[in-house]
Each structure stands twice: as C-alpha cells, then as structure tokens.
C-alpha cells in the first residue's frame, strides 16, 4: 500500500472550523494589503471580513460563535472610521 498523506492532513484539520479559517484568511489578507500602503484598501478589506464574520452561520463558526460575531461587529464599526480618516 502506498503512503497517502490524506489521513495526516485530516487529523490536523479536524481540530479547526470555519471561524479559524476565516481568521487566518483575514490576517493573511491584511498582511498582503499592507505593502500597498493605502489605509482605504485596508479598511475596505476589514469591512468585507466584518460582513463575512457577521453573516456566516453560527453552526459553522464552532463552539463559541459569539466571539466571531463580536469581531465582525467591531470590524464593521472601526473600519468605516478608518476609511473616513484615510487620505489615500
């Protein structure tokens, strides 16, 4: 029988849920947008992920969905303020 890494990957990923994946994607997108140097782009990115965190069904966010909901609401409050104070 040939070695297949799929059980190893499955054992690693079984501990995570959609909320963790969204959080990692948000962090990576912020890191990817920073070299552009535009606070408006960062704030648009934050608003988008805030909406995603709020709209994602609670059953997909894991055992504590309220943490991700509060993060989404905080992003929806702070990101427009960042957008309005940005010059570029």
PDB file of N, CA and C in Angstrom:
ATOM      1  N   UNK A   1       0.839  -1.174   0.000  1.00  0.00           N
ATOM      2  CA  UNK A   1       0.000   0.000   0.000  1.00  0.00           C
ATOM      3  C   UNK A   1       0.888   1.243   0.000  1.00  0.00           C
ATOM      4  N   UNK A   2       0.564   2.186  -0.840  1.00  0.00           N
ATOM      5  CA  UNK A   2       1.356   3.401  -0.966  1.00  0.00           C
ATOM      6  C   UNK A   2       1.030   4.355   0.188  1.00  0.00           C
ATOM      7  N   UNK A   3       1.998   5.188   0.501  1.00  0.00           N
ATOM      8  CA  UNK A   3       1.829   6.183   1.567  1.00  0.00           C
ATOM      9  C   UNK A   3       0.916   7.299   1.067  1.00  0.00           C
ATOM     10  N   UNK A   4      -0.142   7.569   1.787  1.00  0.00           N
ATOM     11  CA  UNK A   4      -1.041   8.667   1.431  1.00  0.00           C
ATOM     12  C   UNK A   4      -1.085   9.650   2.600  1.00  0.00           C
ATOM     13  N   UNK A   5      -0.808  10.904   2.337  1.00  0.00           N
ATOM     14  CA  UNK A   5      -0.787  11.901   3.421  1.00  0.00           C
ATOM     15  C   UNK A   5      -2.167  12.391   3.832  1.00  0.00           C
ATOM     16  N   UNK A   6      -3.224  11.948   3.171  1.00  0.00           N
ATOM     17  CA  UNK A   6      -4.551  12.457   3.486  1.00  0.00           C
ATOM     18  C   UNK A   6      -4.991  12.195   4.925  1.00  0.00           C
ATOM     19  N   UNK A   7      -4.737  11.032   5.518  1.00  0.00           N
ATOM     20  CA  UNK A   7      -5.112  10.872   6.938  1.00  0.00           C
ATOM     21  C   UNK A   7      -4.348  11.820   7.859  1.00  0.00           C
ATOM     22  N   UNK A   8      -3.113  12.115   7.528  1.00  0.00           N
ATOM     23  CA  UNK A   8      -2.346  13.067   8.341  1.00  0.00           C
ATOM     24  C   UNK A   8      -2.944  14.464   8.247  1.00  0.00           C
ATOM     25  N   UNK A   9      -3.312  14.861   7.046  1.00  0.00           N
ATOM     26  CA  UNK A   9      -3.918  16.178   6.852  1.00  0.00           C
ATOM     27  C   UNK A   9      -5.278  16.234   7.539  1.00  0.00           C
ATOM     28  N   UNK A  10      -6.048  15.166   7.420  1.00  0.00           N
ATOM     29  CA  UNK A  10      -7.360  15.116   8.050  1.00  0.00           C
ATOM     30  C   UNK A  10      -7.252  15.188   9.569  1.00  0.00           C
ATOM     31  N   UNK A  11      -6.301  14.485  10.146  1.00  0.00           N
ATOM     32  CA  UNK A  11      -6.100  14.538  11.597  1.00  0.00           C
ATOM     33  C   UNK A  11      -5.697  15.935  12.061  1.00  0.00           C
ATOM     34  N   UNK A  12      -4.964  16.652  11.234  1.00  0.00           N
ATOM     35  CA  UNK A  12      -4.551  18.017  11.570  1.00  0.00           C
ATOM     36  C   UNK A  12      -5.740  18.979  11.473  1.00  0.00           C
ATOM     37  N   UNK A  13      -6.529  18.864  10.406  1.00  0.00           N
ATOM     38  CA  UNK A  13      -7.606  19.816  10.156  1.00  0.00           C
ATOM     39  C   UNK A  13      -8.876  19.557  10.965  1.00  0.00           C
ATOM     40  N   UNK A  14      -9.024  18.396  11.537  1.00  0.00           N
ATOM     41  CA  UNK A  14     -10.246  18.076  12.269  1.00  0.00           C
ATOM     42  C   UNK A  14     -10.393  18.961  13.517  1.00  0.00           C
ATOM     43  N   UNK A  15      -9.330  19.544  14.007  1.00  0.00           N
ATOM     44  CA  UNK A  15      -9.380  20.393  15.201  1.00  0.00           C
ATOM     45  C   UNK A  15      -9.803  21.827  14.901  1.00  0.00           C
ATOM     46  N   UNK A  16      -9.963  22.187  13.635  1.00  0.00           N
ATOM     47  CA  UNK A  16     -10.269  23.566  13.260  1.00  0.00           C
ATOM     48  C   UNK A  16     -11.638  23.645  12.593  1.00  0.00           C
ATOM     49  N   UNK A  17     -12.219  24.853  12.569  1.00  0.00           N
ATOM     50  CA  UNK A  17     -13.513  25.062  11.942  1.00  0.00           C
ATOM     51  C   UNK A  17     -13.456  26.317  11.084  1.00  0.00           C
ATOM     52  N   UNK A  18     -14.588  26.688  10.523  1.00  0.00           N
ATOM     53  CA  UNK A  18     -14.647  27.806   9.574  1.00  0.00           C
ATOM     54  C   UNK A  18     -14.208  29.119  10.223  1.00  0.00           C
ATOM     55  N   UNK A  19     -14.514  29.311  11.483  1.00  0.00           N
ATOM     56  CA  UNK A  19     -14.098  30.535  12.172  1.00  0.00           C
ATOM     57  C   UNK A  19     -12.594  30.689  12.203  1.00  0.00           C
ATOM     58  N   UNK A  20     -11.886  29.605  12.463  1.00  0.00           N
ATOM     59  CA  UNK A  20     -10.425  29.654  12.447  1.00  0.00           C
ATOM     60  C   UNK A  20      -9.914  29.969  11.043  1.00  0.00           C
ATOM     61  N   UNK A  21     -10.507  29.338  10.035  1.00  0.00           N
ATOM     62  CA  UNK A  21     -10.074  29.572   8.655  1.00  0.00           C
ATOM     63  C   UNK A  21     -10.308  31.026   8.250  1.00  0.00           C
ATOM     64  N   UNK A  22     -11.453  31.587   8.623  1.00  0.00           N
ATOM     65  CA  UNK A  22     -11.726  32.990   8.296  1.00  0.00           C
ATOM     66  C   UNK A  22     -10.759  33.929   9.009  1.00  0.00           C
ATOM     67  N   UNK A  23     -10.437  33.621  10.239  1.00  0.00           N
ATOM     68  CA  UNK A  23      -9.491  34.447  10.983  1.00  0.00           C
ATOM     69  C   UNK A  23      -8.106  34.428  10.345  1.00  0.00           C
ATOM     70  N   UNK A  24      -7.660  33.264   9.920  1.00  0.00           N
ATOM     71  CA  UNK A  24      -6.363  33.151   9.238  1.00  0.00           C
ATOM     72  C   UNK A  24      -6.396  33.883   7.906  1.00  0.00           C
ATOM     73  N   UNK A  25      -7.485  33.747   7.149  1.00  0.00           N
ATOM     74  CA  UNK A  25      -7.601  34.468   5.874  1.00  0.00           C
ATOM     75  C   UNK A  25      -7.606  35.979   6.092  1.00  0.00           C
ATOM     76  N   UNK A  26      -8.268  36.436   7.147  1.00  0.00           N
ATOM     77  CA  UNK A  26      -8.281  37.863   7.445  1.00  0.00           C
ATOM     78  C   UNK A  26      -6.878  38.365   7.762  1.00  0.00           C
ATOM     79  N   UNK A  27      -6.158  37.636   8.585  1.00  0.00           N
ATOM     80  CA  UNK A  27      -4.787  38.044   8.928  1.00  0.00           C
ATOM     81  C   UNK A  27      -3.887  38.042   7.691  1.00  0.00           C
ATOM     82  N   UNK A  28      -3.993  37.012   6.874  1.00  0.00           N
ATOM     83  CA  UNK A  28      -3.165  36.951   5.660  1.00  0.00           C
ATOM     84  C   UNK A  28      -3.535  38.051   4.669  1.00  0.00           C
ATOM     85  N   UNK A  29      -4.812  38.378   4.575  1.00  0.00           N
ATOM     86  CA  UNK A  29      -5.202  39.448   3.647  1.00  0.00           C
ATOM     87  C   UNK A  29      -4.726  40.806   4.131  1.00  0.00           C
ATOM     88  N   UNK A  30      -4.730  41.026   5.437  1.00  0.00           N
ATOM     89  CA  UNK A  30      -4.202  42.291   5.966  1.00  0.00           C
ATOM     90  C   UNK A  30      -2.703  42.389   5.695  1.00  0.00           C
ATOM     91  N   UNK A  31      -1.987  41.301   5.921  1.00  0.00           N
ATOM     92  CA  UNK A  31      -0.546  41.294   5.642  1.00  0.00           C
ATOM     93  C   UNK A  31      -0.289  41.498   4.151  1.00  0.00           C
ATOM     94  N   UNK A  32      -1.144  40.949   3.307  1.00  0.00           N
ATOM     95  CA  UNK A  32      -0.977  41.112   1.866  1.00  0.00           C
ATOM     96  C   UNK A  32      -1.318  42.505   1.374  1.00  0.00           C
ATOM     97  N   UNK A  33      -2.178  43.222   2.073  1.00  0.00           N
ATOM     98  CA  UNK A  33      -2.605  44.551   1.646  1.00  0.00           C
ATOM     99  C   UNK A  33      -1.674  45.631   2.175  1.00  0.00           C
ATOM    100  N   UNK A  34      -0.981  45.381   3.253  1.00  0.00           N
ATOM    101  CA  UNK A  34      -0.118  46.397   3.869  1.00  0.00           C
ATOM    102  C   UNK A  34       0.926  46.970   2.903  1.00  0.00           C
ATOM    103  N   UNK A  35       1.576  46.163   2.050  1.00  0.00           N
ATOM    104  CA  UNK A  35       2.569  46.762   1.139  1.00  0.00           C
ATOM    105  C   UNK A  35       1.991  47.780   0.155  1.00  0.00           C
ATOM    106  N   UNK A  36       0.687  47.747  -0.084  1.00  0.00           N
ATOM    107  CA  UNK A  36       0.078  48.738  -0.966  1.00  0.00           C
ATOM    108  C   UNK A  36       0.179  50.122  -0.343  1.00  0.00           C
ATOM    109  N   UNK A  37       0.093  50.192   0.963  1.00  0.00           N
ATOM    110  CA  UNK A  37       0.262  51.450   1.680  1.00  0.00           C
ATOM    111  C   UNK A  37      -0.982  52.311   1.716  1.00  0.00           C
ATOM    112  N   UNK A  38      -2.133  51.754   1.458  1.00  0.00           N
ATOM    113  CA  UNK A  38      -3.371  52.514   1.450  1.00  0.00           C
ATOM    114  C   UNK A  38      -4.253  52.086   2.613  1.00  0.00           C
ATOM    115  N   UNK A  39      -4.574  53.039   3.473  1.00  0.00           N
ATOM    116  CA  UNK A  39      -5.451  52.723   4.597  1.00  0.00           C
ATOM    117  C   UNK A  39      -6.880  52.476   4.124  1.00  0.00           C
ATOM    118  N   UNK A  40      -7.250  53.073   2.986  1.00  0.00           N
ATOM    119  CA  UNK A  40      -8.591  52.837   2.467  1.00  0.00           C
ATOM    120  C   UNK A  40      -8.767  51.384   2.033  1.00  0.00           C
ATOM    121  N   UNK A  41      -7.759  50.820   1.410  1.00  0.00           N
ATOM    122  CA  UNK A  41      -7.836  49.421   0.986  1.00  0.00           C
ATOM    123  C   UNK A  41      -7.882  48.507   2.206  1.00  0.00           C
ATOM    124  N   UNK A  42      -7.108  48.822   3.226  1.00  0.00           N
ATOM    125  CA  UNK A  42      -7.132  48.025   4.463  1.00  0.00           C
ATOM    126  C   UNK A  42      -8.515  48.107   5.106  1.00  0.00           C
ATOM    127  N   UNK A  43      -9.114  49.279   5.106  1.00  0.00           N
ATOM    128  CA  UNK A  43     -10.428  49.413   5.734  1.00  0.00           C
ATOM    129  C   UNK A  43     -11.519  48.719   4.916  1.00  0.00           C
ATOM    130  N   UNK A  44     -11.434  48.750   3.591  1.00  0.00           N
ATOM    131  CA  UNK A  44     -12.392  48.014   2.766  1.00  0.00           C
ATOM    132  C   UNK A  44     -12.266  46.519   3.015  1.00  0.00           C
ATOM    133  N   UNK A  45     -11.039  46.056   3.151  1.00  0.00           N
ATOM    134  CA  UNK A  45     -10.793  44.652   3.476  1.00  0.00           C
ATOM    135  C   UNK A  45     -11.398  44.308   4.837  1.00  0.00           C
ATOM    136  N   UNK A  46     -11.231  45.169   5.805  1.00  0.00           N
ATOM    137  CA  UNK A  46     -11.769  44.923   7.142  1.00  0.00           C
ATOM    138  C   UNK A  46     -13.298  44.931   7.139  1.00  0.00           C
ATOM    139  N   UNK A  47     -13.908  45.819   6.376  1.00  0.00           N
ATOM    140  CA  UNK A  47     -15.369  45.842   6.281  1.00  0.00           C
ATOM    141  C   UNK A  47     -15.871  44.550   5.652  1.00  0.00           C
ATOM    142  N   UNK A  48     -15.188  44.102   4.613  1.00  0.00           N
ATOM    143  CA  UNK A  48     -15.590  42.864   3.947  1.00  0.00           C
ATOM    144  C   UNK A  48     -15.539  41.682   4.902  1.00  0.00           C
ATOM    145  N   UNK A  49     -14.450  41.548   5.638  1.00  0.00           N
ATOM    146  CA  UNK A  49     -14.352  40.435   6.579  1.00  0.00           C
ATOM    147  C   UNK A  49     -15.296  40.618   7.762  1.00  0.00           C
ATOM    148  N   UNK A  50     -15.584  41.845   8.152  1.00  0.00           N
ATOM    149  CA  UNK A  50     -16.581  42.071   9.192  1.00  0.00           C
ATOM    150  C   UNK A  50     -17.948  41.556   8.763  1.00  0.00           C
ATOM    151  N   UNK A  51     -18.317  41.831   7.509  1.00  0.00           N
ATOM    152  CA  UNK A  51     -19.577  41.305   6.986  1.00  0.00           C
ATOM    153  C   UNK A  51     -19.570  39.784   6.927  1.00  0.00           C
ATOM    154  N   UNK A  52     -18.447  39.210   6.520  1.00  0.00           N
ATOM    155  CA  UNK A  52     -18.351  37.751   6.443  1.00  0.00           C
ATOM    156  C   UNK A  52     -18.490  37.132   7.833  1.00  0.00           C
ATOM    157  N   UNK A  53     -17.845  37.721   8.824  1.00  0.00           N
ATOM    158  CA  UNK A  53     -17.957  37.195  10.192  1.00  0.00           C
ATOM    159  C   UNK A  53     -19.383  37.296  10.726  1.00  0.00           C
ATOM    160  N   UNK A  54     -20.081  38.360  10.387  1.00  0.00           N
ATOM    161  CA  UNK A  54     -21.445  38.540  10.889  1.00  0.00           C
ATOM    162  C   UNK A  54     -22.433  37.631  10.154  1.00  0.00           C
ATOM    163  N   UNK A  55     -22.236  37.435   8.854  1.00  0.00           N
ATOM    164  CA  UNK A  55     -23.197  36.699   8.037  1.00  0.00           C
ATOM    165  C   UNK A  55     -23.003  35.185   8.103  1.00  0.00           C
ATOM    166  N   UNK A  56     -21.811  34.720   8.444  1.00  0.00           N
ATOM    167  CA  UNK A  56     -21.553  33.283   8.494  1.00  0.00           C
ATOM    168  C   UNK A  56     -22.454  32.626   9.541  1.00  0.00           C
ATOM    169  N   UNK A  57     -23.107  31.519   9.180  1.00  0.00           N
ATOM    170  CA  UNK A  57     -23.996  30.848  10.149  1.00  0.00           C
ATOM    171  C   UNK A  57     -23.251  30.418  11.408  1.00  0.00           C
ATOM    172  N   UNK A  58     -23.927  30.515  12.528  1.00  0.00           N
ATOM    173  CA  UNK A  58     -23.309  30.213  13.821  1.00  0.00           C
ATOM    174  C   UNK A  58     -22.879  28.762  13.924  1.00  0.00           C
ATOM    175  N   UNK A  59     -23.565  27.875  13.231  1.00  0.00           N
ATOM    176  CA  UNK A  59     -23.205  26.457  13.306  1.00  0.00           C
ATOM    177  C   UNK A  59     -21.861  26.171  12.650  1.00  0.00           C
ATOM    178  N   UNK A  60     -21.419  27.035  11.757  1.00  0.00           N
ATOM    179  CA  UNK A  60     -20.141  26.832  11.071  1.00  0.00           C
ATOM    180  C   UNK A  60     -18.970  27.470  11.814  1.00  0.00           C
ATOM    181  N   UNK A  61     -19.261  28.326  12.782  1.00  0.00           N
ATOM    182  CA  UNK A  61     -18.200  29.062  13.470  1.00  0.00           C
ATOM    183  C   UNK A  61     -17.629  28.322  14.677  1.00  0.00           C
ATOM    184  N   UNK A  62     -18.115  27.166  14.978  1.00  0.00           N
ATOM    185  CA  UNK A  62     -17.532  26.382  16.064  1.00  0.00           C
ATOM    186  C   UNK A  62     -18.292  26.507  17.360  1.00  0.00           C
ATOM    187  N   UNK A  63     -17.562  26.201  18.441  1.00  0.00           N
ATOM    188  CA  UNK A  63     -18.199  26.118  19.752  1.00  0.00           C
ATOM    189  C   UNK A  63     -18.531  27.471  20.363  1.00  0.00           C
ATOM    190  N   UNK A  64     -17.885  28.542  19.957  1.00  0.00           N
ATOM    191  CA  UNK A  64     -18.154  29.869  20.508  1.00  0.00           C
ATOM    192  C   UNK A  64     -18.344  30.869  19.365  1.00  0.00           C
ATOM    193  N   UNK A  65     -19.520  30.878  18.728  1.00  0.00           N
ATOM    194  CA  UNK A  65     -19.719  31.758  17.574  1.00  0.00           C
ATOM    195  C   UNK A  65     -19.811  33.229  17.944  1.00  0.00           C
ATOM    196  N   UNK A  66     -20.118  33.534  19.206  1.00  0.00           N
ATOM    197  CA  UNK A  66     -20.287  34.932  19.594  1.00  0.00           C
ATOM    198  C   UNK A  66     -18.972  35.707  19.534  1.00  0.00           C
ATOM    199  N   UNK A  67     -17.860  35.046  19.737  1.00  0.00           N
ATOM    200  CA  UNK A  67     -16.558  35.704  19.625  1.00  0.00           C
ATOM    201  C   UNK A  67     -16.355  36.233  18.213  1.00  0.00           C
ATOM    202  N   UNK A  68     -16.676  35.416  17.227  1.00  0.00           N
ATOM    203  CA  UNK A  68     -16.501  35.832  15.837  1.00  0.00           C
ATOM    204  C   UNK A  68     -17.542  36.869  15.433  1.00  0.00           C
ATOM    205  N   UNK A  69     -18.739  36.774  15.991  1.00  0.00           N
ATOM    206  CA  UNK A  69     -19.764  37.797  15.728  1.00  0.00           C
ATOM    207  C   UNK A  69     -19.318  39.155  16.283  1.00  0.00           C
ATOM    208  N   UNK A  70     -18.787  39.159  17.505  1.00  0.00           N
ATOM    209  CA  UNK A  70     -18.316  40.411  18.094  1.00  0.00           C
ATOM    210  C   UNK A  70     -17.142  40.979  17.306  1.00  0.00           C
ATOM    211  N   UNK A  71     -16.266  40.117  16.821  1.00  0.00           N
ATOM    212  CA  UNK A  71     -15.172  40.582  15.971  1.00  0.00           C
ATOM    213  C   UNK A  71     -15.725  41.218  14.705  1.00  0.00           C
ATOM    214  N   UNK A  72     -16.718  40.595  14.101  1.00  0.00           N
ATOM    215  CA  UNK A  72     -17.336  41.157  12.903  1.00  0.00           C
ATOM    216  C   UNK A  72     -17.985  42.500  13.165  1.00  0.00           C
ATOM    217  N   UNK A  73     -18.691  42.618  14.275  1.00  0.00           N
ATOM    218  CA  UNK A  73     -19.332  43.894  14.621  1.00  0.00           C
ATOM    219  C   UNK A  73     -18.277  44.962  14.897  1.00  0.00           C
ATOM    220  N   UNK A  74     -17.203  44.586  15.584  1.00  0.00           N
ATOM    221  CA  UNK A  74     -16.129  45.554  15.851  1.00  0.00           C
ATOM    222  C   UNK A  74     -15.486  46.019  14.546  1.00  0.00           C
ATOM    223  N   UNK A  75     -15.270  45.097  13.621  1.00  0.00           N
ATOM    224  CA  UNK A  75     -14.704  45.491  12.332  1.00  0.00           C
ATOM    225  C   UNK A  75     -15.658  46.397  11.560  1.00  0.00           C
ATOM    226  N   UNK A  76     -16.952  46.135  11.658  1.00  0.00           N
ATOM    227  CA  UNK A  76     -17.937  46.976  10.971  1.00  0.00           C
ATOM    228  C   UNK A  76     -18.053  48.366  11.589  1.00  0.00           C
ATOM    229  N   UNK A  77     -17.641  48.521  12.832  1.00  0.00           N
ATOM    230  CA  UNK A  77     -17.668  49.840  13.471  1.00  0.00           C
ATOM    231  C   UNK A  77     -16.361  50.589  13.230  1.00  0.00           C
ATOM    232  N   UNK A  78     -15.237  49.905  13.358  1.00  0.00           N
ATOM    233  CA  UNK A  78     -13.930  50.566  13.292  1.00  0.00           C
ATOM    234  C   UNK A  78     -13.483  50.830  11.849  1.00  0.00           C
ATOM    235  N   UNK A  79     -13.752  49.910  10.941  1.00  0.00           N
ATOM    236  CA  UNK A  79     -13.249  50.046   9.574  1.00  0.00           C
ATOM    237  C   UNK A  79     -13.800  51.281   8.838  1.00  0.00           C
ATOM    238  N   UNK A  80     -15.078  51.619   8.939  1.00  0.00           N
ATOM    239  CA  UNK A  80     -15.530  52.859   8.287  1.00  0.00           C
ATOM    240  C   UNK A  80     -14.871  54.112   8.872  1.00  0.00           C
ATOM    241  N   UNK A  81     -14.580  54.077  10.173  1.00  0.00           N
ATOM    242  CA  UNK A  81     -13.864  55.215  10.761  1.00  0.00           C
ATOM    243  C   UNK A  81     -12.461  55.329  10.176  1.00  0.00           C
ATOM    244  N   UNK A  82     -11.816  54.205   9.997  1.00  0.00           N
ATOM    245  CA  UNK A  82     -10.504  54.201   9.366  1.00  0.00           C
ATOM    246  C   UNK A  82     -10.585  54.691   7.931  1.00  0.00           C
ATOM    247  N   UNK A  83     -11.636  54.305   7.219  1.00  0.00           N
ATOM    248  CA  UNK A  83     -11.812  54.735   5.832  1.00  0.00           C
ATOM    249  C   UNK A  83     -12.011  56.250   5.747  1.00  0.00           C
ATOM    250  N   UNK A  84     -12.804  56.791   6.660  1.00  0.00           N
ATOM    251  CA  UNK A  84     -13.094  58.235   6.614  1.00  0.00           C
ATOM    252  C   UNK A  84     -11.879  59.075   7.005  1.00  0.00           C
ATOM    253  N   UNK A  85     -10.987  58.549   7.821  1.00  0.00           N
ATOM    254  CA  UNK A  85      -9.816  59.329   8.232  1.00  0.00           C
ATOM    255  C   UNK A  85      -8.618  59.114   7.312  1.00  0.00           C
ATOM    256  N   UNK A  86      -8.729  58.212   6.348  1.00  0.00           N
ATOM    257  CA  UNK A  86      -7.611  57.938   5.427  1.00  0.00           C
ATOM    258  C   UNK A  86      -7.528  59.013   4.367  1.00  0.00           C
ATOM    259  N   UNK A  87      -6.325  59.301   3.938  1.00  0.00           N
ATOM    260  CA  UNK A  87      -6.118  60.277   2.870  1.00  0.00           C
ATOM    261  C   UNK A  87      -5.929  59.597   1.534  1.00  0.00           C
ATOM    262  N   UNK A  88      -5.370  58.392   1.548  1.00  0.00           N
ATOM    263  CA  UNK A  88      -5.128  57.676   0.291  1.00  0.00           C
ATOM    264  C   UNK A  88      -5.935  56.421   0.258  1.00  0.00           C
TER     265      UNK A  88
END
